[in-house]
PDB file of N, CA and C in Angstrom:
ATOM      1  N   MET A   1     117.528 104.058  96.176  1.00  0.00           N
ATOM      2  CA  MET A   1     117.621 103.460  97.239  1.00  0.00           C
ATOM      3  C   MET A   1     117.875 101.920  96.904  1.00  0.00           C
ATOM      4  N   SER A   2     119.610 101.427  96.532  1.00  0.00           N
ATOM      5  CA  SER A   2     119.469 100.113  96.380  1.00  0.00           C
ATOM      6  C   SER A   2     119.574  99.082  97.962  1.00  0.00           C
ATOM      7  N   ASP A   3     119.091  99.743  98.897  1.00  0.00           N
ATOM      8  CA  ASP A   3     119.165  98.693 100.051  1.00  0.00           C
ATOM      9  C   ASP A   3     117.685  98.951 100.056  1.00  0.00           C
ATOM     10  N   SER A   4     116.497  99.656  99.471  1.00  0.00           N
ATOM     11  CA  SER A   4     115.305  99.335  99.678  1.00  0.00           C
ATOM     12  C   SER A   4     114.960  98.113 100.021  1.00  0.00           C
ATOM     13  N   LYS A   5     113.704  98.144 100.896  1.00  0.00           N
ATOM     14  CA  LYS A   5     113.608  96.915 101.563  1.00  0.00           C
ATOM     15  C   LYS A   5     111.800  96.952 101.018  1.00  0.00           C
ATOM     16  N   ILE A   6     111.607  97.674  99.862  1.00  0.00           N
ATOM     17  CA  ILE A   6     110.571  97.826  99.334  1.00  0.00           C
ATOM     18  C   ILE A   6     110.348  97.221  97.522  1.00  0.00           C
ATOM     19  N   ARG A   7     109.582  96.500  97.727  1.00  0.00           N
ATOM     20  CA  ARG A   7     109.470  95.593  95.825  1.00  0.00           C
ATOM     21  C   ARG A   7     108.295  96.548  95.359  1.00  0.00           C
ATOM     22  N   HIS A   8     109.291  96.622  94.152  1.00  0.00           N
ATOM     23  CA  HIS A   8     108.324  97.566  93.246  1.00  0.00           C
ATOM     24  C   HIS A   8     108.076  96.661  92.286  1.00  0.00           C
ATOM     25  N   ILE A   9     106.544  96.676  92.384  1.00  0.00           N
ATOM     26  CA  ILE A   9     105.842  95.460  91.387  1.00  0.00           C
ATOM     27  C   ILE A   9     105.722  96.448  89.970  1.00  0.00           C
ATOM     28  N   ALA A  10     105.817  95.486  88.936  1.00  0.00           N
ATOM     29  CA  ALA A  10     105.650  95.885  87.628  1.00  0.00           C
ATOM     30  C   ALA A  10     104.436  95.253  86.721  1.00  0.00           C
ATOM     31  N   THR A  11     104.280  94.039  87.409  1.00  0.00           N
ATOM     32  CA  THR A  11     103.221  93.094  86.611  1.00  0.00           C
ATOM     33  C   THR A  11     102.388  92.534  87.534  1.00  0.00           C
ATOM     34  N   SER A  12     101.195  91.820  87.363  1.00  0.00           N
ATOM     35  CA  SER A  12     100.157  91.331  88.516  1.00  0.00           C
ATOM     36  C   SER A  12     100.850  90.009  88.374  1.00  0.00           C
ATOM     37  N   SER A  13     101.550  89.378  87.392  1.00  0.00           N
ATOM     38  CA  SER A  13     102.410  88.109  87.785  1.00  0.00           C
ATOM     39  C   SER A  13     103.436  88.217  88.798  1.00  0.00           C
ATOM     40  N   GLU A  14     104.178  89.298  89.048  1.00  0.00           N
ATOM     41  CA  GLU A  14     105.220  89.625  90.020  1.00  0.00           C
ATOM     42  C   GLU A  14     104.351  89.737  91.591  1.00  0.00           C
ATOM     43  N   LEU A  15     103.505  90.584  91.302  1.00  0.00           N
ATOM     44  CA  LEU A  15     102.643  90.591  92.465  1.00  0.00           C
ATOM     45  C   LEU A  15     102.076  88.836  93.307  1.00  0.00           C
ATOM     46  N   SER A  16     101.695  88.429  92.400  1.00  0.00           N
ATOM     47  CA  SER A  16     100.981  86.384  92.765  1.00  0.00           C
ATOM     48  C   SER A  16     102.337  86.133  93.459  1.00  0.00           C
ATOM     49  N   ALA A  17     103.561  86.173  92.859  1.00  0.00           N
ATOM     50  CA  ALA A  17     104.883  85.617  93.048  1.00  0.00           C
ATOM     51  C   ALA A  17     105.079  85.737  94.203  1.00  0.00           C
ATOM     52  N   LEU A  18     104.937  87.254  94.690  1.00  0.00           N
ATOM     53  CA  LEU A  18     105.230  87.783  96.079  1.00  0.00           C
ATOM     54  C   LEU A  18     104.313  87.149  97.192  1.00  0.00           C
ATOM     55  N   PHE A  19     103.202  87.311  96.407  1.00  0.00           N
ATOM     56  CA  PHE A  19     101.908  86.608  97.308  1.00  0.00           C
ATOM     57  C   PHE A  19     102.310  85.028  97.869  1.00  0.00           C
ATOM     58  N   SER A  20     102.629  84.142  96.586  1.00  0.00           N
ATOM     59  CA  SER A  20     103.275  83.089  96.954  1.00  0.00           C
ATOM     60  C   SER A  20     104.450  82.302  97.743  1.00  0.00           C
ATOM     61  N   SER A  21     105.611  83.651  97.403  1.00  0.00           N
ATOM     62  CA  SER A  21     106.571  83.607  98.509  1.00  0.00           C
ATOM     63  C   SER A  21     106.746  84.351  99.876  1.00  0.00           C
ATOM     64  N   THR A  22     105.675  84.859 100.156  1.00  0.00           N
ATOM     65  CA  THR A  22     105.767  85.815 101.404  1.00  0.00           C
ATOM     66  C   THR A  22     104.209  85.492 102.448  1.00  0.00           C
ATOM     67  N   THR A  23     104.078  85.483 103.304  1.00  0.00           N
ATOM     68  CA  THR A  23     103.374  85.078 104.258  1.00  0.00           C
ATOM     69  C   THR A  23     102.406  86.047 104.481  1.00  0.00           C
ATOM     70  N   TYR A  24     102.973  87.778 104.621  1.00  0.00           N
ATOM     71  CA  TYR A  24     102.425  88.790 105.003  1.00  0.00           C
ATOM     72  C   TYR A  24     103.082  89.783 103.688  1.00  0.00           C
ATOM     73  N   VAL A  25     102.230  90.846 103.199  1.00  0.00           N
ATOM     74  CA  VAL A  25     102.153  91.553 102.640  1.00  0.00           C
ATOM     75  C   VAL A  25     101.593  92.864 102.552  1.00  0.00           C
ATOM     76  N   ALA A  26     102.446  93.826 102.982  1.00  0.00           N
ATOM     77  CA  ALA A  26     101.996  95.245 102.438  1.00  0.00           C
ATOM     78  C   ALA A  26     101.685  95.728 101.466  1.00  0.00           C
ATOM     79  N   VAL A  27     100.291  96.441 101.016  1.00  0.00           N
ATOM     80  CA  VAL A  27     100.716  96.805  99.239  1.00  0.00           C
ATOM     81  C   VAL A  27     100.609  98.634  99.375  1.00  0.00           C
ATOM     82  N   ASP A  28     101.313  99.251  98.911  1.00  0.00           N
ATOM     83  CA  ASP A  28     100.873 101.128  98.568  1.00  0.00           C
ATOM     84  C   ASP A  28     100.802 101.179  97.139  1.00  0.00           C
ATOM     85  N   PHE A  29      99.413 101.051  96.839  1.00  0.00           N
ATOM     86  CA  PHE A  29      98.915 101.616  95.523  1.00  0.00           C
ATOM     87  C   PHE A  29      99.085 103.064  95.479  1.00  0.00           C
ATOM     88  N   TYR A  30     100.060 104.092  94.649  1.00  0.00           N
ATOM     89  CA  TYR A  30     100.147 105.157  94.563  1.00  0.00           C
ATOM     90  C   TYR A  30     100.086 105.489  93.063  1.00  0.00           C
ATOM     91  N   ALA A  31     100.407 106.631  93.297  1.00  0.00           N
ATOM     92  CA  ALA A  31     100.556 107.462  91.522  1.00  0.00           C
ATOM     93  C   ALA A  31     101.453 108.530  91.806  1.00  0.00           C
ATOM     94  N   ASP A  32     102.374 108.813  90.572  1.00  0.00           N
ATOM     95  CA  ASP A  32     103.740 109.646  90.900  1.00  0.00           C
ATOM     96  C   ASP A  32     103.314 110.993  90.898  1.00  0.00           C
ATOM     97  N   TRP A  33     101.936 111.196  90.199  1.00  0.00           N
ATOM     98  CA  TRP A  33     101.691 113.028  90.137  1.00  0.00           C
ATOM     99  C   TRP A  33     101.188 113.142  91.604  1.00  0.00           C
ATOM    100  N   CYS A  34     101.160 111.943  92.527  1.00  0.00           N
ATOM    101  CA  CYS A  34     100.068 112.099  93.781  1.00  0.00           C
ATOM    102  C   CYS A  34     100.627 112.719  94.633  1.00  0.00           C
ATOM    103  N   PRO A  35     100.214 113.965  95.307  1.00  0.00           N
ATOM    104  CA  PRO A  35     101.082 114.818  96.507  1.00  0.00           C
ATOM    105  C   PRO A  35     101.254 113.977  97.546  1.00  0.00           C
ATOM    106  N   PRO A  36      99.802 113.492  98.311  1.00  0.00           N
ATOM    107  CA  PRO A  36     100.108 112.792  99.483  1.00  0.00           C
ATOM    108  C   PRO A  36     100.937 111.445  99.214  1.00  0.00           C
ATOM    109  N   CYS A  37     100.975 110.919  98.157  1.00  0.00           N
ATOM    110  CA  CYS A  37     101.927 109.703  98.251  1.00  0.00           C
ATOM    111  C   CYS A  37     102.974 109.861  98.272  1.00  0.00           C
ATOM    112  N   LYS A  38     103.496 110.816  97.809  1.00  0.00           N
ATOM    113  CA  LYS A  38     104.576 111.521  97.885  1.00  0.00           C
ATOM    114  C   LYS A  38     105.062 111.335  99.200  1.00  0.00           C
ATOM    115  N   ALA A  39     104.187 112.358  99.855  1.00  0.00           N
ATOM    116  CA  ALA A  39     104.598 112.920 101.497  1.00  0.00           C
ATOM    117  C   ALA A  39     104.446 111.575 102.350  1.00  0.00           C
ATOM    118  N   ILE A  40     103.803 110.668 102.056  1.00  0.00           N
ATOM    119  CA  ILE A  40     103.962 109.513 102.974  1.00  0.00           C
ATOM    120  C   ILE A  40     104.943 108.236 102.461  1.00  0.00           C
ATOM    121  N   ALA A  41     105.810 108.326 101.361  1.00  0.00           N
ATOM    122  CA  ALA A  41     106.698 107.621 100.994  1.00  0.00           C
ATOM    123  C   ALA A  41     108.046 107.133 102.038  1.00  0.00           C
ATOM    124  N   PRO A  42     108.327 108.453 102.519  1.00  0.00           N
ATOM    125  CA  PRO A  42     109.609 108.033 103.234  1.00  0.00           C
ATOM    126  C   PRO A  42     108.850 107.516 104.772  1.00  0.00           C
ATOM    127  N   LEU A  43     107.868 107.416 105.086  1.00  0.00           N
ATOM    128  CA  LEU A  43     107.830 106.951 106.327  1.00  0.00           C
ATOM    129  C   LEU A  43     107.269 105.415 105.600  1.00  0.00           C
ATOM    130  N   TYR A  44     106.799 105.214 104.494  1.00  0.00           N
ATOM    131  CA  TYR A  44     106.807 103.511 104.369  1.00  0.00           C
ATOM    132  C   TYR A  44     107.945 102.735 103.793  1.00  0.00           C
ATOM    133  N   GLU A  45     108.949 103.733 103.666  1.00  0.00           N
ATOM    134  CA  GLU A  45     110.078 103.203 103.360  1.00  0.00           C
ATOM    135  C   GLU A  45     110.861 103.091 104.639  1.00  0.00           C
ATOM    136  N   ARG A  46     110.701 103.731 105.779  1.00  0.00           N
ATOM    137  CA  ARG A  46     111.226 103.429 107.095  1.00  0.00           C
ATOM    138  C   ARG A  46     110.798 102.193 107.548  1.00  0.00           C
ATOM    139  N   LEU A  47     108.989 101.885 107.621  1.00  0.00           N
ATOM    140  CA  LEU A  47     108.452 100.861 107.933  1.00  0.00           C
ATOM    141  C   LEU A  47     108.645  99.723 107.354  1.00  0.00           C
ATOM    142  N   ALA A  48     108.743  99.728 106.000  1.00  0.00           N
ATOM    143  CA  ALA A  48     109.850  98.319 105.562  1.00  0.00           C
ATOM    144  C   ALA A  48     111.296  98.146 105.957  1.00  0.00           C
ATOM    145  N   ALA A  49     112.158  99.212 105.945  1.00  0.00           N
ATOM    146  CA  ALA A  49     112.980  98.809 107.056  1.00  0.00           C
ATOM    147  C   ALA A  49     113.299  98.109 108.397  1.00  0.00           C
ATOM    148  N   GLN A  50     111.782  98.300 109.008  1.00  0.00           N
ATOM    149  CA  GLN A  50     112.267  98.600 110.231  1.00  0.00           C
ATOM    150  C   GLN A  50     111.702  96.889 110.356  1.00  0.00           C
ATOM    151  N   HIS A  51     110.507  96.508 109.971  1.00  0.00           N
ATOM    152  CA  HIS A  51     109.711  95.229 109.503  1.00  0.00           C
ATOM    153  C   HIS A  51     109.787  94.498 108.420  1.00  0.00           C
ATOM    154  N   ALA A  52     110.648  94.867 107.853  1.00  0.00           N
ATOM    155  CA  ALA A  52     110.365  93.413 106.739  1.00  0.00           C
ATOM    156  C   ALA A  52     111.271  92.697 107.121  1.00  0.00           C
ATOM    157  N   VAL A  53     110.633  91.213 106.782  1.00  0.00           N
ATOM    158  CA  VAL A  53     111.427  90.165 107.170  1.00  0.00           C
ATOM    159  C   VAL A  53     111.280  88.751 106.055  1.00  0.00           C
ATOM    160  N   ASP A  54     112.226  88.614 105.215  1.00  0.00           N
ATOM    161  CA  ASP A  54     111.845  87.900 103.946  1.00  0.00           C
ATOM    162  C   ASP A  54     111.667  86.629 104.029  1.00  0.00           C
ATOM    163  N   GLY A  55     110.547  86.277 103.556  1.00  0.00           N
ATOM    164  CA  GLY A  55     109.561  85.030 103.243  1.00  0.00           C
ATOM    165  C   GLY A  55     108.428  85.627 103.724  1.00  0.00           C
ATOM    166  N   VAL A  56     108.751  86.385 105.227  1.00  0.00           N
ATOM    167  CA  VAL A  56     107.232  86.202 105.875  1.00  0.00           C
ATOM    168  C   VAL A  56     106.389  87.676 105.754  1.00  0.00           C
ATOM    169  N   LEU A  57     107.062  88.741 105.758  1.00  0.00           N
ATOM    170  CA  LEU A  57     106.817  90.395 105.640  1.00  0.00           C
ATOM    171  C   LEU A  57     107.457  91.009 104.730  1.00  0.00           C
ATOM    172  N   ALA A  58     106.450  91.454 103.402  1.00  0.00           N
ATOM    173  CA  ALA A  58     107.184  91.934 102.667  1.00  0.00           C
ATOM    174  C   ALA A  58     106.621  93.357 102.415  1.00  0.00           C
ATOM    175  N   PHE A  59     106.793  94.452 101.890  1.00  0.00           N
ATOM    176  CA  PHE A  59     106.142  96.069 101.612  1.00  0.00           C
ATOM    177  C   PHE A  59     106.413  96.060 100.133  1.00  0.00           C
ATOM    178  N   ALA A  60     105.384  96.058  99.516  1.00  0.00           N
ATOM    179  CA  ALA A  60     105.472  96.150  98.144  1.00  0.00           C
ATOM    180  C   ALA A  60     104.788  97.890  97.603  1.00  0.00           C
ATOM    181  N   LYS A  61     105.056  98.152  96.320  1.00  0.00           N
ATOM    182  CA  LYS A  61     104.893  99.804  95.827  1.00  0.00           C
ATOM    183  C   LYS A  61     103.847  99.183  94.201  1.00  0.00           C
ATOM    184  N   VAL A  62     102.452  99.328  94.040  1.00  0.00           N
ATOM    185  CA  VAL A  62     101.991  99.695  93.015  1.00  0.00           C
ATOM    186  C   VAL A  62     101.825 100.841  92.359  1.00  0.00           C
ATOM    187  N   ASN A  63     102.371 100.902  91.347  1.00  0.00           N
ATOM    188  CA  ASN A  63     101.868 102.169  90.547  1.00  0.00           C
ATOM    189  C   ASN A  63     100.954 102.207  89.600  1.00  0.00           C
ATOM    190  N   VAL A  64      99.762 102.545  90.300  1.00  0.00           N
ATOM    191  CA  VAL A  64      97.958 102.607  89.369  1.00  0.00           C
ATOM    192  C   VAL A  64      98.435 102.528  88.511  1.00  0.00           C
ATOM    193  N   ASP A  65      99.075 103.839  87.454  1.00  0.00           N
ATOM    194  CA  ASP A  65      99.057 104.078  86.339  1.00  0.00           C
ATOM    195  C   ASP A  65     100.080 103.349  85.433  1.00  0.00           C
ATOM    196  N   LYS A  66     100.705 102.578  86.067  1.00  0.00           N
ATOM    197  CA  LYS A  66     101.868 101.715  85.077  1.00  0.00           C
ATOM    198  C   LYS A  66     101.326 100.243  85.038  1.00  0.00           C
ATOM    199  N   VAL A  67     100.602  99.899  86.194  1.00  0.00           N
ATOM    200  CA  VAL A  67     100.267  98.553  86.537  1.00  0.00           C
ATOM    201  C   VAL A  67      98.582  98.529  86.832  1.00  0.00           C
ATOM    202  N   GLN A  68      97.984  99.176  85.943  1.00  0.00           N
ATOM    203  CA  GLN A  68      96.321  99.127  86.003  1.00  0.00           C
ATOM    204  C   GLN A  68      95.761  98.087  86.406  1.00  0.00           C
ATOM    205  N   ASP A  69      95.797  96.648  85.344  1.00  0.00           N
ATOM    206  CA  ASP A  69      95.410  95.801  86.133  1.00  0.00           C
ATOM    207  C   ASP A  69      95.478  95.230  87.291  1.00  0.00           C
ATOM    208  N   VAL A  70      96.040  95.371  88.343  1.00  0.00           N
ATOM    209  CA  VAL A  70      96.450  94.957  89.504  1.00  0.00           C
ATOM    210  C   VAL A  70      95.746  96.527  90.355  1.00  0.00           C
ATOM    211  N   SER A  71      95.671  97.661  90.195  1.00  0.00           N
ATOM    212  CA  SER A  71      94.914  98.248  90.932  1.00  0.00           C
ATOM    213  C   SER A  71      93.241  97.980  90.924  1.00  0.00           C
ATOM    214  N   ARG A  72      92.970  97.913  89.448  1.00  0.00           N
ATOM    215  CA  ARG A  72      91.492  97.529  88.991  1.00  0.00           C
ATOM    216  C   ARG A  72      90.971  96.262  89.840  1.00  0.00           C
ATOM    217  N   THR A  73      91.876  95.280  90.064  1.00  0.00           N
ATOM    218  CA  THR A  73      91.570  93.982  90.515  1.00  0.00           C
ATOM    219  C   THR A  73      91.195  94.468  91.979  1.00  0.00           C
ATOM    220  N   HIS A  74      91.913  95.069  92.862  1.00  0.00           N
ATOM    221  CA  HIS A  74      91.506  95.515  94.007  1.00  0.00           C
ATOM    222  C   HIS A  74      90.777  96.851  94.261  1.00  0.00           C
ATOM    223  N   GLY A  75      90.537  97.060  93.468  1.00  0.00           N
ATOM    224  CA  GLY A  75      89.406  98.129  93.295  1.00  0.00           C
ATOM    225  C   GLY A  75      89.815  99.646  93.886  1.00  0.00           C
ATOM    226  N   VAL A  76      91.291  99.760  93.570  1.00  0.00           N
ATOM    227  CA  VAL A  76      91.785 100.843  93.904  1.00  0.00           C
ATOM    228  C   VAL A  76      91.321 102.582  93.203  1.00  0.00           C
ATOM    229  N   THR A  77      90.700 103.178  94.209  1.00  0.00           N
ATOM    230  CA  THR A  77      89.909 104.360  93.622  1.00  0.00           C
ATOM    231  C   THR A  77      90.114 105.868  93.992  1.00  0.00           C
ATOM    232  N   ALA A  78      91.572 105.582  95.052  1.00  0.00           N
ATOM    233  CA  ALA A  78      92.038 107.030  95.906  1.00  0.00           C
ATOM    234  C   ALA A  78      93.695 106.303  96.120  1.00  0.00           C
ATOM    235  N   MET A  79      94.114 107.564  95.691  1.00  0.00           N
ATOM    236  CA  MET A  79      95.792 107.019  96.386  1.00  0.00           C
ATOM    237  C   MET A  79      96.096 108.333  97.422  1.00  0.00           C
ATOM    238  N   PRO A  80      97.107 107.631  98.492  1.00  0.00           N
ATOM    239  CA  PRO A  80      97.244 106.464  98.280  1.00  0.00           C
ATOM    240  C   PRO A  80      96.629 105.733  99.016  1.00  0.00           C
ATOM    241  N   THR A  81      95.991 104.122  98.796  1.00  0.00           N
ATOM    242  CA  THR A  81      95.654 102.960  99.345  1.00  0.00           C
ATOM    243  C   THR A  81      96.962 102.295  99.642  1.00  0.00           C
ATOM    244  N   PHE A  82      96.049 101.792 101.116  1.00  0.00           N
ATOM    245  CA  PHE A  82      97.975 100.540 101.615  1.00  0.00           C
ATOM    246  C   PHE A  82      96.459  99.489 101.514  1.00  0.00           C
ATOM    247  N   MET A  83      96.749  98.523 101.319  1.00  0.00           N
ATOM    248  CA  MET A  83      96.272  96.986 101.658  1.00  0.00           C
ATOM    249  C   MET A  83      97.221  96.030 102.001  1.00  0.00           C
ATOM    250  N   PHE A  84      96.439  94.934 102.744  1.00  0.00           N
ATOM    251  CA  PHE A  84      97.459  93.968 103.538  1.00  0.00           C
ATOM    252  C   PHE A  84      96.819  92.665 103.194  1.00  0.00           C
ATOM    253  N   PHE A  85      97.585  91.967 103.044  1.00  0.00           N
ATOM    254  CA  PHE A  85      97.467  90.948 102.954  1.00  0.00           C
ATOM    255  C   PHE A  85      97.952  89.258 103.061  1.00  0.00           C
ATOM    256  N   LYS A  86      97.460  88.139 103.840  1.00  0.00           N
ATOM    257  CA  LYS A  86      97.915  87.281 104.706  1.00  0.00           C
ATOM    258  C   LYS A  86      97.664  85.894 103.282  1.00  0.00           C
ATOM    259  N   ASP A  87      98.901  85.306 103.068  1.00  0.00           N
ATOM    260  CA  ASP A  87      98.434  83.694 102.018  1.00  0.00           C
ATOM    261  C   ASP A  87      98.047  84.604 100.705  1.00  0.00           C
ATOM    262  N   GLY A  88      98.184  85.723 100.235  1.00  0.00           N
ATOM    263  CA  GLY A  88      97.706  86.012  99.344  1.00  0.00           C
ATOM    264  C   GLY A  88      96.285  86.497  99.027  1.00  0.00           C
ATOM    265  N   ARG A  89      95.315  86.505 100.277  1.00  0.00           N
ATOM    266  CA  ARG A  89      94.027  87.008 100.590  1.00  0.00           C
ATOM    267  C   ARG A  89      94.058  88.415 101.406  1.00  0.00           C
ATOM    268  N   GLN A  90      93.444  89.196 100.876  1.00  0.00           N
ATOM    269  CA  GLN A  90      93.455  90.937 101.587  1.00  0.00           C
ATOM    270  C   GLN A  90      92.616  90.319 103.084  1.00  0.00           C
ATOM    271  N   VAL A  91      93.775  91.214 103.994  1.00  0.00           N
ATOM    272  CA  VAL A  91      92.644  90.990 105.677  1.00  0.00           C
ATOM    273  C   VAL A  91      92.710  92.448 106.465  1.00  0.00           C
ATOM    274  N   ALA A  92      91.965  92.531 107.107  1.00  0.00           N
ATOM    275  CA  ALA A  92      91.857  93.808 108.181  1.00  0.00           C
ATOM    276  C   ALA A  92      93.069  93.351 108.749  1.00  0.00           C
ATOM    277  N   VAL A  93      94.039  94.746 109.313  1.00  0.00           N
ATOM    278  CA  VAL A  93      95.004  94.847 110.259  1.00  0.00           C
ATOM    279  C   VAL A  93      94.398  95.953 111.003  1.00  0.00           C
ATOM    280  N   ASN A  94      94.027  95.532 112.216  1.00  0.00           N
ATOM    281  CA  ASN A  94      94.008  96.663 113.452  1.00  0.00           C
ATOM    282  C   ASN A  94      92.615  96.912 113.430  1.00  0.00           C
ATOM    283  N   GLY A  95      91.506  96.037 112.294  1.00  0.00           N
ATOM    284  CA  GLY A  95      90.163  96.497 111.808  1.00  0.00           C
ATOM    285  C   GLY A  95      89.997  97.346 110.706  1.00  0.00           C
ATOM    286  N   GLN A  96      90.881  97.186 110.054  1.00  0.00           N
ATOM    287  CA  GLN A  96      90.967  98.225 108.884  1.00  0.00           C
ATOM    288  C   GLN A  96      91.206  97.104 107.344  1.00  0.00           C
ATOM    289  N   LYS A  97      90.693  97.007 106.526  1.00  0.00           N
ATOM    290  CA  LYS A  97      90.849  96.261 105.056  1.00  0.00           C
ATOM    291  C   LYS A  97      91.707  96.958 104.325  1.00  0.00           C
ATOM    292  N   MET A  98      91.826  98.160 104.662  1.00  0.00           N
ATOM    293  CA  MET A  98      92.967  99.097 103.800  1.00  0.00           C
ATOM    294  C   MET A  98      92.655 100.374 104.604  1.00  0.00           C
ATOM    295  N   ILE A  99      93.823 101.163 104.216  1.00  0.00           N
ATOM    296  CA  ILE A  99      94.206 102.403 104.258  1.00  0.00           C
ATOM    297  C   ILE A  99      93.626 103.640 102.950  1.00  0.00           C
ATOM    298  N   ARG A 100      93.143 104.282 103.023  1.00  0.00           N
ATOM    299  CA  ARG A 100      92.929 105.507 102.148  1.00  0.00           C
ATOM    300  C   ARG A 100      93.182 106.544 102.788  1.00  0.00           C
ATOM    301  N   GLY A 101      94.390 107.059 101.631  1.00  0.00           N
ATOM    302  CA  GLY A 101      95.080 108.404 102.225  1.00  0.00           C
ATOM    303  C   GLY A 101      96.055 108.256 103.028  1.00  0.00           C
ATOM    304  N   ALA A 102      97.012 109.588 103.124  1.00  0.00           N
ATOM    305  CA  ALA A 102      98.399 109.459 103.863  1.00  0.00           C
ATOM    306  C   ALA A 102      97.667 109.510 105.081  1.00  0.00           C
ATOM    307  N   ASP A 103      98.026 109.019 105.826  1.00  0.00           N
ATOM    308  CA  ASP A 103      97.046 108.740 107.743  1.00  0.00           C
ATOM    309  C   ASP A 103      98.587 108.003 108.073  1.00  0.00           C
ATOM    310  N   PRO A 104      99.734 108.628 108.809  1.00  0.00           N
ATOM    311  CA  PRO A 104     100.604 108.067 108.757  1.00  0.00           C
ATOM    312  C   PRO A 104     100.983 106.812 110.573  1.00  0.00           C
ATOM    313  N   GLN A 105      99.622 107.767 111.323  1.00  0.00           N
ATOM    314  CA  GLN A 105      99.460 106.724 112.354  1.00  0.00           C
ATOM    315  C   GLN A 105      98.833 105.732 112.107  1.00  0.00           C
ATOM    316  N   SER A 106      97.652 105.562 111.071  1.00  0.00           N
ATOM    317  CA  SER A 106      97.336 104.238 111.022  1.00  0.00           C
ATOM    318  C   SER A 106      98.241 103.305 110.079  1.00  0.00           C
ATOM    319  N   LEU A 107      98.954 103.954 109.477  1.00  0.00           N
ATOM    320  CA  LEU A 107     100.069 102.862 108.675  1.00  0.00           C
ATOM    321  C   LEU A 107     101.224 102.394 109.641  1.00  0.00           C
ATOM    322  N   SER A 108     101.628 103.410 110.277  1.00  0.00           N
ATOM    323  CA  SER A 108     102.642 102.900 111.235  1.00  0.00           C
ATOM    324  C   SER A 108     101.899 101.678 112.298  1.00  0.00           C
ATOM    325  N   ALA A 109     100.932 102.309 112.820  1.00  0.00           N
ATOM    326  CA  ALA A 109     100.018 101.203 113.506  1.00  0.00           C
ATOM    327  C   ALA A 109      99.608  99.443 112.763  1.00  0.00           C
ATOM    328  N   ALA A 110      99.685  99.465 111.930  1.00  0.00           N
ATOM    329  CA  ALA A 110      99.597  98.282 110.525  1.00  0.00           C
ATOM    330  C   ALA A 110     100.778  97.631 110.317  1.00  0.00           C
ATOM    331  N   ALA A 111     101.688  98.523 110.062  1.00  0.00           N
ATOM    332  CA  ALA A 111     102.987  97.820 109.693  1.00  0.00           C
ATOM    333  C   ALA A 111     103.657  97.471 111.707  1.00  0.00           C
ATOM    334  N   GLU A 112     103.281  97.688 112.374  1.00  0.00           N
ATOM    335  CA  GLU A 112     104.026  97.589 113.489  1.00  0.00           C
ATOM    336  C   GLU A 112     102.953  96.091 114.072  1.00  0.00           C
ATOM    337  N   LYS A 113     101.935  96.115 113.460  1.00  0.00           N
ATOM    338  CA  LYS A 113     101.267  94.802 114.008  1.00  0.00           C
ATOM    339  C   LYS A 113     101.116  93.516 113.058  1.00  0.00           C
ATOM    340  N   LEU A 114     101.656  94.193 111.805  1.00  0.00           N
ATOM    341  CA  LEU A 114     102.079  92.669 110.840  1.00  0.00           C
ATOM    342  C   LEU A 114     103.603  92.851 111.098  1.00  0.00           C
ATOM    343  N   GLY A 115     104.286  93.927 111.726  1.00  0.00           N
ATOM    344  CA  GLY A 115     106.166  93.216 112.544  1.00  0.00           C
ATOM    345  C   GLY A 115     105.996  92.447 113.526  1.00  0.00           C
ATOM    346  N   GLY A 116     104.873  92.582 114.295  1.00  0.00           N
ATOM    347  CA  GLY A 116     104.988  91.784 115.489  1.00  0.00           C
ATOM    348  C   GLY A 116     104.581  90.644 115.145  1.00  0.00           C
ATOM    349  N   LEU A 117     103.693  90.115 113.786  1.00  0.00           N
ATOM    350  CA  LEU A 117     103.136  88.821 113.570  1.00  0.00           C
ATOM    351  C   LEU A 117     104.311  88.137 112.812  1.00  0.00           C
ATOM    352  N   ALA A 118     105.114  88.960 111.918  1.00  0.00           N
ATOM    353  CA  ALA A 118     106.186  88.108 111.428  1.00  0.00           C
ATOM    354  C   ALA A 118     107.387  87.674 112.150  1.00  0.00           C
ATOM    355  N   LYS A 119     107.435  88.516 113.440  1.00  0.00           N
ATOM    356  CA  LYS A 119     108.440  88.322 114.393  1.00  0.00           C
ATOM    357  C   LYS A 119     108.306  87.088 115.029  1.00  0.00           C
ATOM    358  N   LYS A 120     106.850  87.055 115.723  1.00  0.00           N
ATOM    359  CA  LYS A 120     105.883  85.748 116.216  1.00  0.00           C
ATOM    360  C   LYS A 120     106.460  84.401 114.786  1.00  0.00           C
ATOM    361  N   ARG A 121     106.005  84.769 114.123  1.00  0.00           N
ATOM    362  CA  ARG A 121     106.168  83.412 112.902  1.00  0.00           C
ATOM    363  C   ARG A 121     107.839  83.048 112.603  1.00  0.00           C
ATOM    364  N   VAL A 122     108.587  84.100 112.763  1.00  0.00           N
ATOM    365  CA  VAL A 122     109.898  83.627 112.649  1.00  0.00           C
ATOM    366  C   VAL A 122     110.095  83.160 113.884  1.00  0.00           C
ATOM    367  N   GLY A 123     110.280  83.669 114.757  1.00  0.00           N
ATOM    368  CA  GLY A 123     110.327  82.624 116.253  1.00  0.00           C
ATOM    369  C   GLY A 123     109.650  81.426 116.415  1.00  0.00           C
ATOM    370  N   ALA A 124     108.565  81.158 115.976  1.00  0.00           N
ATOM    371  CA  ALA A 124     108.197  80.083 115.927  1.00  0.00           C
ATOM    372  C   ALA A 124     108.805  78.875 115.013  1.00  0.00           C
ATOM    373  N   ALA A 125     109.337  79.590 113.857  1.00  0.00           N
ATOM    374  CA  ALA A 125     109.944  78.334 112.977  1.00  0.00           C
ATOM    375  C   ALA A 125     110.870  77.923 113.749  1.00  0.00           C
ATOM    376  N   SER A 126     111.614  78.918 114.189  1.00  0.00           N
ATOM    377  CA  SER A 126     113.039  78.406 115.157  1.00  0.00           C
ATOM    378  C   SER A 126     113.185  77.681 116.289  1.00  0.00           C
ATOM    379  N   ALA A 127     111.939  77.611 116.853  1.00  0.00           N
ATOM    380  CA  ALA A 127     111.884  77.029 118.175  1.00  0.00           C
ATOM    381  C   ALA A 127     111.928  75.538 117.516  1.00  0.00           C
TER     382      ALA A 127
END
């Protein structure tokens, strides 16, 4: 999918650069061998297509087997794990600092919340 809105992170410096350039970042920590990860991937793709805003809200994926230092840094022990960041710091969205497991309802709600915050930020910047 060349038109994907998802950023595939290959190194910790790539994730740091994304944190520096983007206010809000949702990160999907996944593994290729993980069936629940594969099951929720199309939803994450749709949410990214619907809510991503360049420089304001990004959706990223980190393969825990290929970028082990990043998953260790963030304490990822189960896949998938979704985390949310504002200005590079982990934050809670809808009261959850992370979503462990393939939970479509919680993930959709978190993406909607971040999407709303991103739209407000864009609206404020253009006003």
